[in-house]
N, C-alpha and C. Protein backbone atom coordinates (compact mmCIF):
# COMPACT_ATOMS: atom_id res chain seq x y z
N MET A 1 115.58 97.49 81.06
CA MET A 1 114.28 97.68 81.65
C MET A 1 113.54 96.37 81.86
N GLY A 2 114.11 95.26 81.56
CA GLY A 2 113.44 93.98 81.72
C GLY A 2 113.07 93.67 83.15
N SER A 3 113.98 93.91 84.08
CA SER A 3 113.68 93.59 85.47
C SER A 3 112.61 94.51 86.04
N ARG A 4 112.56 95.73 85.59
CA ARG A 4 111.50 96.65 86.06
C ARG A 4 110.14 96.17 85.61
N ARG A 5 110.06 95.73 84.37
CA ARG A 5 108.77 95.25 83.86
C ARG A 5 108.33 94.00 84.58
N LEU A 6 109.26 93.13 84.90
CA LEU A 6 108.92 91.92 85.63
C LEU A 6 108.40 92.27 87.02
N THR A 7 109.05 93.18 87.69
CA THR A 7 108.60 93.61 89.01
C THR A 7 107.25 94.29 88.93
N PHE A 8 107.06 95.12 87.92
CA PHE A 8 105.80 95.83 87.73
C PHE A 8 104.67 94.84 87.47
N ALA A 9 104.93 93.82 86.66
CA ALA A 9 103.92 92.81 86.35
C ALA A 9 103.50 92.05 87.61
N LEU A 10 104.47 91.71 88.44
CA LEU A 10 104.16 90.99 89.68
C LEU A 10 103.34 91.86 90.63
N MET A 11 103.69 93.13 90.70
CA MET A 11 102.96 94.05 91.57
C MET A 11 101.52 94.22 91.09
N CYS A 12 101.33 94.33 89.78
CA CYS A 12 99.98 94.47 89.23
C CYS A 12 99.18 93.19 89.43
N ALA A 13 99.84 92.03 89.33
CA ALA A 13 99.14 90.76 89.56
C ALA A 13 98.68 90.64 91.01
N GLU A 14 99.51 91.06 91.93
CA GLU A 14 99.12 91.04 93.35
C GLU A 14 97.93 91.96 93.59
N LEU A 15 97.97 93.12 92.99
CA LEU A 15 96.87 94.07 93.14
C LEU A 15 95.58 93.50 92.57
N LEU A 16 95.65 92.94 91.39
CA LEU A 16 94.47 92.37 90.74
C LEU A 16 93.89 91.22 91.56
N ALA A 17 94.75 90.35 92.05
CA ALA A 17 94.28 89.22 92.86
C ALA A 17 93.60 89.71 94.14
N ALA A 18 94.17 90.71 94.78
CA ALA A 18 93.57 91.25 96.00
C ALA A 18 92.21 91.88 95.71
N GLN A 19 92.09 92.58 94.60
CA GLN A 19 90.82 93.21 94.25
C GLN A 19 89.77 92.15 93.92
N LEU A 20 90.14 91.11 93.21
CA LEU A 20 89.20 90.07 92.83
C LEU A 20 88.68 89.28 94.02
N HIS A 21 89.53 89.09 95.02
CA HIS A 21 89.16 88.29 96.18
C HIS A 21 88.68 89.13 97.36
N GLY A 22 88.62 90.44 97.18
CA GLY A 22 88.14 91.31 98.25
C GLY A 22 89.09 91.38 99.43
N GLU A 23 90.36 91.19 99.19
CA GLU A 23 91.37 91.24 100.24
C GLU A 23 91.93 92.65 100.36
N PRO A 24 92.62 92.93 101.46
CA PRO A 24 93.27 94.25 101.58
C PRO A 24 94.29 94.44 100.46
N LEU A 25 94.40 95.67 100.01
CA LEU A 25 95.34 95.97 98.93
C LEU A 25 96.77 95.81 99.41
N PRO A 26 97.66 95.28 98.56
CA PRO A 26 99.05 95.08 98.96
C PRO A 26 99.90 96.35 98.85
N MET A 27 99.25 97.49 98.62
CA MET A 27 99.96 98.76 98.48
C MET A 27 99.03 99.88 98.92
N GLU A 28 99.54 101.08 98.97
CA GLU A 28 98.73 102.23 99.34
C GLU A 28 97.61 102.42 98.33
N ALA A 29 96.48 102.90 98.79
CA ALA A 29 95.34 103.12 97.91
C ALA A 29 95.68 104.12 96.81
N ARG A 30 96.50 105.10 97.12
CA ARG A 30 96.89 106.10 96.13
C ARG A 30 97.63 105.46 94.96
N LEU A 31 98.52 104.53 95.26
CA LEU A 31 99.26 103.83 94.22
C LEU A 31 98.34 102.90 93.44
N ALA A 32 97.44 102.22 94.14
CA ALA A 32 96.49 101.34 93.46
C ALA A 32 95.61 102.13 92.49
N ASN A 33 95.19 103.32 92.89
CA ASN A 33 94.40 104.17 91.99
C ASN A 33 95.21 104.62 90.79
N ALA A 34 96.48 104.86 90.98
CA ALA A 34 97.34 105.27 89.88
C ALA A 34 97.55 104.14 88.87
N LEU A 35 97.44 102.89 89.32
CA LEU A 35 97.62 101.74 88.44
C LEU A 35 96.30 101.25 87.84
N SER A 36 95.20 101.81 88.26
CA SER A 36 93.89 101.35 87.81
C SER A 36 93.68 101.63 86.33
N PRO A 37 93.16 100.65 85.57
CA PRO A 37 92.88 100.90 84.16
C PRO A 37 91.82 101.98 83.96
N GLY A 38 90.97 102.21 84.95
CA GLY A 38 89.95 103.24 84.85
C GLY A 38 90.48 104.65 84.99
N ARG A 39 91.78 104.79 85.24
CA ARG A 39 92.34 106.12 85.44
C ARG A 39 92.22 106.98 84.18
N PHE A 40 92.23 106.36 83.01
CA PHE A 40 92.12 107.14 81.77
C PHE A 40 90.71 107.69 81.61
N ARG A 41 89.74 106.92 82.01
CA ARG A 41 88.35 107.38 81.95
C ARG A 41 88.15 108.54 82.92
N ARG A 42 88.75 108.43 84.11
CA ARG A 42 88.62 109.52 85.08
C ARG A 42 89.28 110.79 84.58
N LEU A 43 90.40 110.66 83.88
CA LEU A 43 91.07 111.84 83.34
C LEU A 43 90.21 112.50 82.28
N ASP A 44 89.55 111.69 81.43
CA ASP A 44 88.69 112.26 80.38
C ASP A 44 87.51 113.00 81.00
N GLN A 45 86.99 112.52 82.12
CA GLN A 45 85.84 113.16 82.75
C GLN A 45 86.20 114.49 83.37
N ARG A 46 87.46 114.64 83.76
CA ARG A 46 87.90 115.91 84.36
C ARG A 46 87.98 117.03 83.33
N LEU A 47 88.26 116.68 82.10
CA LEU A 47 88.46 117.70 81.06
C LEU A 47 87.18 118.19 80.48
């Protein structure tokens, strides 16, 4: 699973950099929302 984690880390870094600089997201918005750290808070609010 090492290579998957490396790829995942790079993808998350690209997403974070794009969000910080106000650039277009490097992936679909649905995937970006799924990777958002705030997703846990949103799940708690639904319950």
